[in-house]
N, C-alpha and C. Protein backbone atom coordinates (compact mmCIF):
# COMPACT_ATOMS: atom_id res chain seq x y z
N MET A 1 0.85 -1.17 0.00
CA MET A 1 0.00 0.00 0.00
C MET A 1 0.90 1.23 0.00
N SER A 2 0.59 2.17 -0.85
CA SER A 2 1.40 3.37 -0.98
C SER A 2 0.77 4.50 -0.19
N PHE A 3 1.62 5.34 0.37
CA PHE A 3 1.11 6.48 1.12
C PHE A 3 0.78 7.67 0.21
N LEU A 4 1.16 7.62 -1.06
CA LEU A 4 0.90 8.71 -1.98
C LEU A 4 -0.47 8.60 -2.66
N ARG A 5 -0.97 7.39 -2.79
CA ARG A 5 -2.29 7.19 -3.40
C ARG A 5 -3.31 6.84 -2.33
N PRO A 6 -4.56 7.37 -2.47
CA PRO A 6 -5.55 6.97 -1.48
C PRO A 6 -5.92 5.49 -1.66
N SER A 7 -6.26 4.87 -0.59
CA SER A 7 -6.61 3.45 -0.65
C SER A 7 -7.97 3.26 -1.30
N VAL A 8 -8.23 2.06 -1.71
CA VAL A 8 -9.51 1.71 -2.35
C VAL A 8 -10.65 1.93 -1.36
N LEU A 9 -10.43 1.59 -0.11
CA LEU A 9 -11.45 1.77 0.90
C LEU A 9 -11.78 3.25 1.09
N HIS A 10 -10.77 4.10 1.12
CA HIS A 10 -10.97 5.55 1.26
C HIS A 10 -11.74 6.11 0.06
N GLN A 11 -11.39 5.66 -1.15
CA GLN A 11 -12.07 6.12 -2.35
C GLN A 11 -13.53 5.67 -2.35
N PHE A 12 -13.81 4.45 -1.94
CA PHE A 12 -15.17 3.93 -1.89
C PHE A 12 -16.03 4.73 -0.92
N LEU A 13 -15.48 5.04 0.25
CA LEU A 13 -16.24 5.81 1.23
C LEU A 13 -16.56 7.22 0.74
N LEU A 14 -15.62 7.86 0.08
CA LEU A 14 -15.87 9.21 -0.44
C LEU A 14 -16.93 9.21 -1.53
N THR A 15 -16.88 8.28 -2.46
CA THR A 15 -17.86 8.27 -3.55
C THR A 15 -19.24 7.86 -3.07
N SER A 16 -19.34 6.93 -2.14
CA SER A 16 -20.68 6.53 -1.70
C SER A 16 -21.36 7.65 -0.91
N ILE A 17 -20.62 8.43 -0.14
CA ILE A 17 -21.20 9.55 0.60
C ILE A 17 -21.62 10.66 -0.36
N SER A 18 -20.80 10.96 -1.35
CA SER A 18 -21.13 12.04 -2.27
C SER A 18 -22.29 11.69 -3.17
N LEU A 19 -22.47 10.41 -3.51
CA LEU A 19 -23.60 10.02 -4.35
C LEU A 19 -24.94 10.24 -3.64
N LYS A 20 -24.94 10.11 -2.32
CA LYS A 20 -26.20 10.31 -1.59
C LYS A 20 -26.69 11.75 -1.70
N TRP A 21 -25.81 12.69 -1.87
CA TRP A 21 -26.19 14.09 -1.94
C TRP A 21 -26.45 14.56 -3.35
N MET A 22 -26.21 13.72 -4.35
CA MET A 22 -26.47 14.11 -5.73
C MET A 22 -27.95 13.94 -6.03
N PRO A 23 -28.62 14.95 -6.58
CA PRO A 23 -30.07 14.85 -6.80
C PRO A 23 -30.46 13.84 -7.87
N CYS A 24 -29.60 13.54 -8.80
CA CYS A 24 -29.95 12.65 -9.91
C CYS A 24 -29.14 11.36 -9.84
N GLN A 25 -28.93 10.79 -8.64
CA GLN A 25 -28.12 9.60 -8.55
C GLN A 25 -28.82 8.40 -9.17
N SER A 26 -30.12 8.45 -9.30
CA SER A 26 -30.83 7.40 -10.01
C SER A 26 -31.92 8.08 -10.86
N TRP A 27 -32.46 7.33 -11.76
CA TRP A 27 -33.50 7.88 -12.63
C TRP A 27 -34.89 7.63 -12.06
N GLY A 28 -34.98 7.34 -10.79
CA GLY A 28 -36.25 7.08 -10.14
C GLY A 28 -37.14 8.30 -10.06
N PHE A 29 -36.54 9.49 -10.09
CA PHE A 29 -37.34 10.70 -10.00
C PHE A 29 -38.15 10.94 -11.26
N LEU A 30 -37.88 10.21 -12.34
CA LEU A 30 -38.63 10.37 -13.58
C LEU A 30 -39.83 9.43 -13.65
N ARG A 31 -40.08 8.65 -12.61
CA ARG A 31 -41.21 7.74 -12.60
C ARG A 31 -42.52 8.50 -12.72
N TRP A 32 -43.54 7.86 -13.27
CA TRP A 32 -44.88 8.42 -13.33
C TRP A 32 -45.38 8.58 -11.90
N PRO A 33 -45.92 9.76 -11.55
CA PRO A 33 -46.30 10.00 -10.15
C PRO A 33 -47.51 9.19 -9.70
N GLY A 34 -48.13 8.47 -10.57
CA GLY A 34 -49.28 7.68 -10.18
C GLY A 34 -50.57 8.42 -10.47
N LEU A 35 -51.67 7.76 -10.21
CA LEU A 35 -52.99 8.32 -10.49
C LEU A 35 -53.26 9.56 -9.63
N ASP A 36 -52.81 9.54 -8.40
CA ASP A 36 -52.99 10.68 -7.50
C ASP A 36 -52.30 11.93 -8.05
N GLY A 37 -51.09 11.79 -8.52
CA GLY A 37 -50.36 12.91 -9.10
C GLY A 37 -51.00 13.42 -10.38
N PHE A 38 -51.54 12.51 -11.17
CA PHE A 38 -52.23 12.90 -12.40
C PHE A 38 -53.46 13.73 -12.09
N PHE A 39 -54.25 13.33 -11.09
CA PHE A 39 -55.45 14.08 -10.72
C PHE A 39 -55.09 15.45 -10.15
N ARG A 40 -54.02 15.54 -9.39
CA ARG A 40 -53.58 16.84 -8.89
C ARG A 40 -53.21 17.77 -10.04
N LEU A 41 -52.50 17.24 -11.02
CA LEU A 41 -52.13 18.04 -12.18
C LEU A 41 -53.37 18.46 -12.97
N LEU A 42 -54.32 17.57 -13.12
CA LEU A 42 -55.56 17.88 -13.83
C LEU A 42 -56.35 18.99 -13.12
N VAL A 43 -56.45 18.93 -11.81
CA VAL A 43 -57.16 19.96 -11.04
C VAL A 43 -56.44 21.30 -11.18
N LEU A 44 -55.12 21.28 -11.13
CA LEU A 44 -54.35 22.50 -11.27
C LEU A 44 -54.57 23.14 -12.64
N VAL A 45 -54.56 22.35 -13.69
CA VAL A 45 -54.78 22.86 -15.05
C VAL A 45 -56.20 23.42 -15.19
N LEU A 46 -57.19 22.73 -14.65
CA LEU A 46 -58.57 23.21 -14.74
C LEU A 46 -58.76 24.51 -13.97
N LEU A 47 -58.21 24.62 -12.78
CA LEU A 47 -58.31 25.87 -12.03
C LEU A 47 -57.63 27.02 -12.76
N TRP A 48 -56.46 26.74 -13.32
CA TRP A 48 -55.72 27.78 -14.06
C TRP A 48 -56.56 28.27 -15.24
N SER A 49 -57.16 27.35 -16.00
CA SER A 49 -57.91 27.76 -17.18
C SER A 49 -59.24 28.44 -16.83
N MET A 50 -59.81 28.11 -15.68
CA MET A 50 -61.07 28.74 -15.29
C MET A 50 -60.86 30.12 -14.66
N CYS A 51 -59.75 30.33 -14.01
CA CYS A 51 -59.55 31.56 -13.23
C CYS A 51 -58.59 32.56 -13.85
N SER A 52 -57.94 32.21 -14.94
CA SER A 52 -56.97 33.13 -15.53
C SER A 52 -56.89 32.93 -17.03
N GLU A 53 -56.27 33.89 -17.67
CA GLU A 53 -56.15 33.86 -19.12
C GLU A 53 -54.99 34.76 -19.52
N ILE A 54 -54.37 34.44 -20.62
CA ILE A 54 -53.30 35.28 -21.16
C ILE A 54 -53.79 35.80 -22.50
N ARG A 55 -53.69 37.10 -22.70
CA ARG A 55 -54.14 37.75 -23.94
C ARG A 55 -53.02 38.56 -24.56
N PHE A 56 -53.23 38.92 -25.80
CA PHE A 56 -52.28 39.68 -26.61
C PHE A 56 -52.93 41.02 -26.94
N ILE A 57 -52.18 42.12 -26.86
CA ILE A 57 -52.73 43.46 -27.16
C ILE A 57 -52.54 43.73 -28.65
N PRO A 58 -53.64 43.82 -29.42
CA PRO A 58 -53.53 44.00 -30.87
C PRO A 58 -53.57 45.46 -31.34
N SER A 59 -54.01 46.40 -30.47
CA SER A 59 -54.17 47.78 -30.93
C SER A 59 -53.57 48.76 -29.92
N SER A 60 -53.54 50.02 -30.31
CA SER A 60 -52.94 51.04 -29.44
C SER A 60 -53.99 51.81 -28.64
N SER A 61 -55.17 51.24 -28.45
CA SER A 61 -56.23 51.97 -27.74
C SER A 61 -55.93 52.18 -26.26
N MET A 62 -55.02 51.40 -25.67
CA MET A 62 -54.66 51.57 -24.26
C MET A 62 -53.25 52.15 -24.10
N TYR A 63 -52.69 52.69 -25.18
CA TYR A 63 -51.38 53.32 -25.10
C TYR A 63 -51.48 54.56 -24.23
N PRO A 64 -50.59 54.89 -23.36
CA PRO A 64 -49.26 54.35 -23.10
C PRO A 64 -49.21 53.25 -22.04
N THR A 65 -50.33 52.92 -21.40
CA THR A 65 -50.32 51.88 -20.37
C THR A 65 -49.94 50.54 -20.96
N LEU A 66 -50.58 50.17 -22.06
CA LEU A 66 -50.29 48.92 -22.75
C LEU A 66 -49.98 49.22 -24.20
N ARG A 67 -49.00 48.53 -24.74
CA ARG A 67 -48.58 48.77 -26.12
C ARG A 67 -48.90 47.57 -26.99
N VAL A 68 -48.94 47.81 -28.28
CA VAL A 68 -49.21 46.73 -29.24
C VAL A 68 -48.13 45.67 -29.06
N GLY A 69 -48.55 44.42 -28.95
CA GLY A 69 -47.63 43.31 -28.79
C GLY A 69 -47.43 42.86 -27.36
N ASP A 70 -47.89 43.64 -26.38
CA ASP A 70 -47.75 43.22 -24.98
C ASP A 70 -48.64 42.01 -24.71
N ARG A 71 -48.19 41.18 -23.81
CA ARG A 71 -48.99 40.05 -23.33
C ARG A 71 -49.52 40.46 -21.96
N VAL A 72 -50.80 40.19 -21.73
CA VAL A 72 -51.41 40.56 -20.45
C VAL A 72 -51.97 39.33 -19.76
N PHE A 73 -51.85 39.33 -18.45
CA PHE A 73 -52.39 38.26 -17.61
C PHE A 73 -53.69 38.76 -17.02
N ILE A 74 -54.75 37.98 -17.21
CA ILE A 74 -56.09 38.36 -16.78
C ILE A 74 -56.59 37.35 -15.75
N GLU A 75 -57.12 37.85 -14.65
CA GLU A 75 -57.76 36.94 -13.70
C GLU A 75 -59.27 37.14 -13.80
N LYS A 76 -60.00 36.02 -13.71
CA LYS A 76 -61.44 36.06 -13.93
C LYS A 76 -62.28 35.89 -12.67
N ALA A 77 -61.66 35.65 -11.52
CA ALA A 77 -62.42 35.27 -10.33
C ALA A 77 -62.84 36.43 -9.45
N SER A 78 -62.12 37.54 -9.44
CA SER A 78 -62.37 38.57 -8.42
C SER A 78 -63.74 39.24 -8.56
N TYR A 79 -64.29 39.33 -9.76
CA TYR A 79 -65.58 40.00 -9.91
C TYR A 79 -66.76 39.13 -9.48
N TYR A 80 -66.49 37.89 -9.07
CA TYR A 80 -67.53 37.09 -8.41
C TYR A 80 -67.64 37.50 -6.94
N ILE A 81 -66.56 38.07 -6.41
CA ILE A 81 -66.50 38.44 -5.00
C ILE A 81 -66.79 39.92 -4.80
N ARG A 82 -66.29 40.77 -5.71
CA ARG A 82 -66.44 42.22 -5.57
C ARG A 82 -66.93 42.83 -6.88
N SER A 83 -67.37 44.07 -6.80
CA SER A 83 -67.84 44.78 -7.99
C SER A 83 -66.66 45.44 -8.70
N PRO A 84 -66.78 45.68 -10.00
CA PRO A 84 -65.73 46.40 -10.71
C PRO A 84 -65.54 47.79 -10.12
N ALA A 85 -64.28 48.23 -10.02
CA ALA A 85 -63.96 49.53 -9.42
C ALA A 85 -63.43 50.48 -10.48
N ILE A 86 -63.56 51.77 -10.20
CA ILE A 86 -63.03 52.79 -11.11
C ILE A 86 -61.51 52.62 -11.20
N ASN A 87 -60.99 52.80 -12.39
CA ASN A 87 -59.58 52.65 -12.75
C ASN A 87 -59.13 51.20 -12.91
N ASP A 88 -60.01 50.22 -12.72
CA ASP A 88 -59.67 48.84 -13.08
C ASP A 88 -59.58 48.76 -14.59
N ILE A 89 -58.63 48.00 -15.08
CA ILE A 89 -58.54 47.73 -16.51
C ILE A 89 -59.19 46.37 -16.72
N VAL A 90 -60.22 46.33 -17.57
CA VAL A 90 -60.99 45.11 -17.76
C VAL A 90 -60.96 44.65 -19.21
N ILE A 91 -61.15 43.34 -19.36
CA ILE A 91 -61.27 42.71 -20.67
C ILE A 91 -62.72 42.28 -20.78
N PHE A 92 -63.36 42.60 -21.91
CA PHE A 92 -64.79 42.32 -22.04
C PHE A 92 -65.15 42.01 -23.48
N ARG A 93 -66.30 41.34 -23.61
CA ARG A 93 -66.87 41.09 -24.95
C ARG A 93 -67.53 42.37 -25.43
N ALA A 94 -67.36 42.64 -26.69
CA ALA A 94 -67.91 43.87 -27.27
C ALA A 94 -69.43 43.85 -27.18
N PRO A 95 -70.04 45.00 -26.84
CA PRO A 95 -71.50 45.06 -26.86
C PRO A 95 -71.99 44.94 -28.30
N LYS A 96 -73.23 44.50 -28.45
CA LYS A 96 -73.76 44.32 -29.80
C LYS A 96 -73.84 45.65 -30.52
N GLN A 97 -73.09 45.74 -31.59
CA GLN A 97 -73.05 46.92 -32.45
C GLN A 97 -73.04 46.45 -33.89
N PRO A 98 -73.59 47.25 -34.80
CA PRO A 98 -73.51 46.86 -36.20
C PRO A 98 -72.04 46.82 -36.64
N GLY A 99 -71.66 45.73 -37.27
CA GLY A 99 -70.29 45.61 -37.77
C GLY A 99 -69.33 44.92 -36.82
N THR A 100 -69.76 44.60 -35.60
CA THR A 100 -68.88 43.87 -34.68
C THR A 100 -69.57 42.57 -34.28
N SER A 101 -68.76 41.55 -34.07
CA SER A 101 -69.31 40.26 -33.64
C SER A 101 -69.11 40.12 -32.13
N GLU A 102 -69.78 39.13 -31.54
CA GLU A 102 -69.69 38.93 -30.10
C GLU A 102 -68.35 38.36 -29.68
N GLU A 103 -67.58 37.79 -30.63
CA GLU A 103 -66.29 37.21 -30.30
C GLU A 103 -65.22 38.28 -30.10
N VAL A 104 -65.47 39.51 -30.53
CA VAL A 104 -64.48 40.57 -30.40
C VAL A 104 -64.32 40.92 -28.92
N VAL A 105 -63.07 40.99 -28.48
CA VAL A 105 -62.76 41.27 -27.08
C VAL A 105 -61.97 42.57 -27.01
N PHE A 106 -62.35 43.44 -26.06
CA PHE A 106 -61.68 44.72 -25.87
C PHE A 106 -61.02 44.76 -24.50
N ILE A 107 -60.06 45.66 -24.35
CA ILE A 107 -59.46 45.94 -23.05
C ILE A 107 -59.51 47.46 -22.86
N LYS A 108 -60.15 47.90 -21.78
CA LYS A 108 -60.33 49.34 -21.51
C LYS A 108 -60.29 49.58 -20.00
N ARG A 109 -60.27 50.85 -19.63
CA ARG A 109 -60.24 51.27 -18.23
C ARG A 109 -61.64 51.73 -17.80
N ILE A 110 -62.07 51.30 -16.62
CA ILE A 110 -63.36 51.75 -16.07
C ILE A 110 -63.19 53.17 -15.54
N VAL A 111 -64.03 54.08 -16.03
CA VAL A 111 -63.96 55.47 -15.57
C VAL A 111 -65.18 55.88 -14.76
N ALA A 112 -66.27 55.11 -14.86
CA ALA A 112 -67.48 55.42 -14.08
C ALA A 112 -68.26 54.14 -13.85
N LYS A 113 -69.00 54.12 -12.75
CA LYS A 113 -69.81 52.94 -12.43
C LYS A 113 -71.29 53.32 -12.37
N ALA A 114 -72.12 52.37 -12.03
CA ALA A 114 -73.57 52.58 -12.02
C ALA A 114 -73.95 53.77 -11.13
N GLY A 115 -74.84 54.61 -11.64
CA GLY A 115 -75.31 55.78 -10.91
C GLY A 115 -74.54 57.05 -11.20
N ASP A 116 -73.44 56.96 -11.95
CA ASP A 116 -72.63 58.14 -12.27
C ASP A 116 -73.11 58.80 -13.57
N TYR A 117 -72.82 60.10 -13.66
CA TYR A 117 -73.05 60.85 -14.90
C TYR A 117 -71.68 61.14 -15.51
N VAL A 118 -71.53 60.85 -16.80
CA VAL A 118 -70.23 60.98 -17.48
C VAL A 118 -70.38 61.91 -18.68
N GLN A 119 -69.35 62.74 -18.87
CA GLN A 119 -69.32 63.62 -20.03
C GLN A 119 -67.87 63.95 -20.35
N VAL A 120 -67.58 64.07 -21.65
CA VAL A 120 -66.27 64.52 -22.09
C VAL A 120 -66.47 65.83 -22.85
N HIS A 121 -65.82 66.89 -22.36
CA HIS A 121 -65.84 68.16 -23.10
C HIS A 121 -64.65 69.00 -22.64
N HIS A 122 -64.25 69.94 -23.48
CA HIS A 122 -63.10 70.81 -23.22
C HIS A 122 -61.82 70.01 -22.92
N GLY A 123 -61.71 68.82 -23.54
CA GLY A 123 -60.50 68.01 -23.38
C GLY A 123 -60.38 67.30 -22.04
N SER A 124 -61.45 67.21 -21.28
CA SER A 124 -61.40 66.54 -19.97
C SER A 124 -62.59 65.61 -19.80
N LEU A 125 -62.39 64.64 -18.95
CA LEU A 125 -63.46 63.71 -18.57
C LEU A 125 -64.09 64.24 -17.29
N TYR A 126 -65.41 64.34 -17.29
CA TYR A 126 -66.16 64.79 -16.12
C TYR A 126 -67.05 63.65 -15.64
N VAL A 127 -66.90 63.29 -14.37
CA VAL A 127 -67.76 62.29 -13.75
C VAL A 127 -68.49 62.97 -12.62
N ASN A 128 -69.81 62.96 -12.70
CA ASN A 128 -70.68 63.65 -11.73
C ASN A 128 -70.32 65.13 -11.62
N GLY A 129 -69.96 65.74 -12.74
CA GLY A 129 -69.67 67.16 -12.79
C GLY A 129 -68.27 67.55 -12.37
N LYS A 130 -67.44 66.61 -11.95
CA LYS A 130 -66.07 66.92 -11.52
C LYS A 130 -65.06 66.44 -12.55
N ALA A 131 -64.15 67.32 -12.93
CA ALA A 131 -63.09 66.94 -13.88
C ALA A 131 -62.17 65.93 -13.21
N GLN A 132 -61.84 64.90 -13.95
CA GLN A 132 -60.99 63.83 -13.43
C GLN A 132 -59.52 64.09 -13.78
N ARG A 133 -58.65 63.84 -12.83
CA ARG A 133 -57.21 63.97 -13.06
C ARG A 133 -56.72 62.62 -13.57
N GLU A 134 -56.25 62.60 -14.81
CA GLU A 134 -55.85 61.35 -15.45
C GLU A 134 -54.41 61.48 -15.96
N ASP A 135 -53.47 60.96 -15.21
CA ASP A 135 -52.07 61.03 -15.59
C ASP A 135 -51.68 59.94 -16.58
N PHE A 136 -52.55 58.97 -16.79
CA PHE A 136 -52.22 57.80 -17.58
C PHE A 136 -52.65 57.89 -19.04
N ILE A 137 -53.35 58.95 -19.47
CA ILE A 137 -53.83 59.01 -20.85
C ILE A 137 -52.73 59.53 -21.78
N ALA A 138 -52.84 59.13 -23.07
CA ALA A 138 -51.84 59.53 -24.06
C ALA A 138 -51.96 61.02 -24.39
N ALA A 139 -53.19 61.50 -24.59
CA ALA A 139 -53.44 62.91 -24.91
C ALA A 139 -54.86 63.25 -24.48
N ARG A 140 -55.09 64.53 -24.28
CA ARG A 140 -56.44 64.97 -23.91
C ARG A 140 -57.40 64.68 -25.06
N PRO A 141 -58.62 64.28 -24.75
CA PRO A 141 -59.58 63.98 -25.81
C PRO A 141 -59.92 65.22 -26.64
N THR A 142 -60.00 65.01 -27.95
CA THR A 142 -60.37 66.11 -28.85
C THR A 142 -61.85 66.07 -29.20
N TYR A 143 -62.55 65.05 -28.76
CA TYR A 143 -63.98 64.92 -29.03
C TYR A 143 -64.78 65.41 -27.82
N THR A 144 -66.07 65.58 -28.03
CA THR A 144 -66.97 65.87 -26.92
C THR A 144 -68.07 64.82 -26.92
N SER A 145 -68.61 64.55 -25.75
CA SER A 145 -69.72 63.59 -25.66
C SER A 145 -70.81 64.21 -24.81
N GLU A 146 -72.01 63.73 -25.02
CA GLU A 146 -73.14 64.22 -24.25
C GLU A 146 -73.10 63.67 -22.83
N LEU A 147 -73.82 64.31 -21.94
CA LEU A 147 -73.93 63.81 -20.58
C LEU A 147 -74.65 62.47 -20.62
N THR A 148 -74.02 61.44 -20.06
CA THR A 148 -74.56 60.08 -20.11
C THR A 148 -74.72 59.55 -18.70
N TYR A 149 -75.89 58.98 -18.42
CA TYR A 149 -76.14 58.34 -17.13
C TYR A 149 -75.76 56.87 -17.25
N VAL A 150 -75.03 56.35 -16.28
CA VAL A 150 -74.64 54.93 -16.28
C VAL A 150 -75.68 54.18 -15.45
N PRO A 151 -76.50 53.35 -16.11
CA PRO A 151 -77.57 52.66 -15.38
C PRO A 151 -77.02 51.52 -14.50
N GLU A 152 -77.90 50.99 -13.65
CA GLU A 152 -77.55 49.87 -12.77
C GLU A 152 -77.12 48.67 -13.63
N GLY A 153 -76.08 47.97 -13.19
CA GLY A 153 -75.59 46.80 -13.91
C GLY A 153 -74.71 47.15 -15.10
N HIS A 154 -74.26 48.41 -15.17
CA HIS A 154 -73.41 48.86 -16.28
C HIS A 154 -72.20 49.62 -15.74
N ILE A 155 -71.20 49.78 -16.59
CA ILE A 155 -70.02 50.60 -16.29
C ILE A 155 -69.71 51.42 -17.53
N TYR A 156 -68.87 52.41 -17.37
CA TYR A 156 -68.45 53.26 -18.49
C TYR A 156 -66.95 53.06 -18.65
N VAL A 157 -66.52 52.62 -19.85
CA VAL A 157 -65.11 52.32 -20.09
C VAL A 157 -64.55 53.19 -21.21
N LEU A 158 -63.31 53.63 -21.04
CA LEU A 158 -62.61 54.40 -22.06
C LEU A 158 -61.19 53.87 -22.19
N GLY A 159 -60.64 53.94 -23.39
CA GLY A 159 -59.24 53.57 -23.60
C GLY A 159 -58.33 54.70 -23.15
N ASP A 160 -57.11 54.38 -22.77
CA ASP A 160 -56.16 55.42 -22.33
C ASP A 160 -55.70 56.29 -23.49
N ASN A 161 -55.77 55.77 -24.69
CA ASN A 161 -55.47 56.56 -25.89
C ASN A 161 -56.82 57.09 -26.39
N ARG A 162 -57.35 58.08 -25.68
CA ARG A 162 -58.74 58.52 -25.86
C ARG A 162 -59.12 58.86 -27.29
N ASN A 163 -58.22 59.42 -28.07
CA ASN A 163 -58.55 59.84 -29.43
C ASN A 163 -58.45 58.70 -30.44
N ASN A 164 -58.00 57.54 -30.01
CA ASN A 164 -57.85 56.40 -30.91
C ASN A 164 -58.39 55.15 -30.23
N SER A 165 -59.61 55.24 -29.71
CA SER A 165 -60.19 54.13 -28.97
C SER A 165 -61.68 54.01 -29.27
N TYR A 166 -62.12 52.79 -29.56
CA TYR A 166 -63.52 52.49 -29.77
C TYR A 166 -64.07 52.01 -28.43
N ASP A 167 -64.82 52.85 -27.73
CA ASP A 167 -65.19 52.55 -26.36
C ASP A 167 -66.57 53.11 -26.02
N SER A 168 -66.85 53.34 -24.74
CA SER A 168 -68.18 53.77 -24.30
C SER A 168 -68.59 55.12 -24.85
N HIS A 169 -67.67 55.96 -25.26
CA HIS A 169 -68.10 57.24 -25.84
C HIS A 169 -68.71 57.00 -27.23
N ASP A 170 -68.49 55.82 -27.82
CA ASP A 170 -69.11 55.44 -29.09
C ASP A 170 -70.39 54.65 -28.90
N TRP A 171 -70.38 53.67 -28.02
CA TRP A 171 -71.53 52.77 -27.89
C TRP A 171 -72.32 52.95 -26.60
N GLY A 172 -71.84 53.72 -25.62
CA GLY A 172 -72.57 53.94 -24.38
C GLY A 172 -72.08 53.02 -23.27
N PRO A 173 -72.79 52.99 -22.15
CA PRO A 173 -72.38 52.16 -21.01
C PRO A 173 -72.32 50.68 -21.38
N LEU A 174 -71.40 49.98 -20.74
CA LEU A 174 -71.16 48.56 -21.00
C LEU A 174 -71.84 47.73 -19.91
N PRO A 175 -72.59 46.68 -20.28
CA PRO A 175 -73.17 45.79 -19.26
C PRO A 175 -72.06 45.05 -18.50
N VAL A 176 -72.17 44.97 -17.20
CA VAL A 176 -71.17 44.29 -16.38
C VAL A 176 -71.07 42.82 -16.76
N LYS A 177 -72.15 42.22 -17.23
CA LYS A 177 -72.13 40.80 -17.59
C LYS A 177 -71.19 40.51 -18.76
N ASN A 178 -70.79 41.53 -19.52
CA ASN A 178 -69.88 41.34 -20.64
C ASN A 178 -68.42 41.23 -20.20
N ILE A 179 -68.12 41.56 -18.95
CA ILE A 179 -66.73 41.52 -18.48
C ILE A 179 -66.24 40.08 -18.39
N ILE A 180 -65.08 39.85 -18.97
CA ILE A 180 -64.43 38.53 -18.92
C ILE A 180 -63.51 38.46 -17.71
N GLY A 181 -62.73 39.51 -17.49
CA GLY A 181 -61.79 39.49 -16.38
C GLY A 181 -61.12 40.82 -16.17
N ARG A 182 -60.22 40.85 -15.19
CA ARG A 182 -59.52 42.06 -14.79
C ARG A 182 -58.04 41.92 -15.12
N PHE A 183 -57.47 42.97 -15.68
CA PHE A 183 -56.04 43.01 -15.99
C PHE A 183 -55.25 42.96 -14.68
N VAL A 184 -54.22 42.09 -14.64
CA VAL A 184 -53.38 41.97 -13.46
C VAL A 184 -51.98 42.46 -13.74
N MET A 185 -51.39 41.98 -14.82
CA MET A 185 -50.02 42.36 -15.15
C MET A 185 -49.74 42.10 -16.62
N CYS A 186 -48.67 42.68 -17.11
CA CYS A 186 -48.27 42.40 -18.48
C CYS A 186 -46.78 42.09 -18.52
N TRP A 187 -46.38 41.43 -19.56
CA TRP A 187 -44.97 41.19 -19.80
C TRP A 187 -44.73 41.19 -21.28
N HIS A 188 -43.61 40.82 -21.72
CA HIS A 188 -43.10 40.84 -23.08
C HIS A 188 -42.26 42.07 -23.29
N ARG A 189 -42.75 43.20 -22.83
CA ARG A 189 -41.95 44.42 -22.77
C ARG A 189 -42.19 45.03 -21.40
N PRO A 190 -41.51 44.55 -20.36
CA PRO A 190 -41.82 45.00 -18.99
C PRO A 190 -41.70 46.51 -18.79
N SER A 191 -40.86 47.18 -19.57
CA SER A 191 -40.71 48.61 -19.38
C SER A 191 -41.95 49.38 -19.83
N SER A 192 -42.82 48.72 -20.63
CA SER A 192 -44.01 49.41 -21.11
C SER A 192 -45.21 49.24 -20.18
N CYS A 193 -45.13 48.34 -19.24
CA CYS A 193 -46.28 48.07 -18.36
C CYS A 193 -46.22 48.96 -17.13
N ARG A 194 -47.35 49.51 -16.76
CA ARG A 194 -47.42 50.35 -15.56
C ARG A 194 -48.24 49.68 -14.51
């Protein structure tokens, strides 16, 4: 036995101890988790698909908050618990209008809720006669709209790019039942999301 080389016994002890700490020492971790694991995965996928959605922004109607090409994460469960609030960004099915189908989906910001009076004039949005301070819009609106009452079960939505948005100033208050979900976050271009 040489004193310069480790003995076979020493080498065996070192390798057997180190193998125990290696995460992939056997391929047993690739086994099928069984029926229980499959059902857990199935429940997780079903909950994910029922309570959330990922969408793509196709237009500049919400610029500068959201830009064309951004991906947005939408949650669908919170409006079963609470009512839509002012300044929530919502995704909804388009109200019935000539030239649009029911499959068309929009994303806009809630600016007024049921019982409010809304009007756009002199480049500002007025809710219940008070001008709203809106730091998030692209430019002041160049259009004017008549005083509109938002009935029960409806909301009033406008795009942040007010002069380039097809929204409630065109078709009127939106029924709450048309809401699909609430905007939570966006990615793809994180610097563009607020």
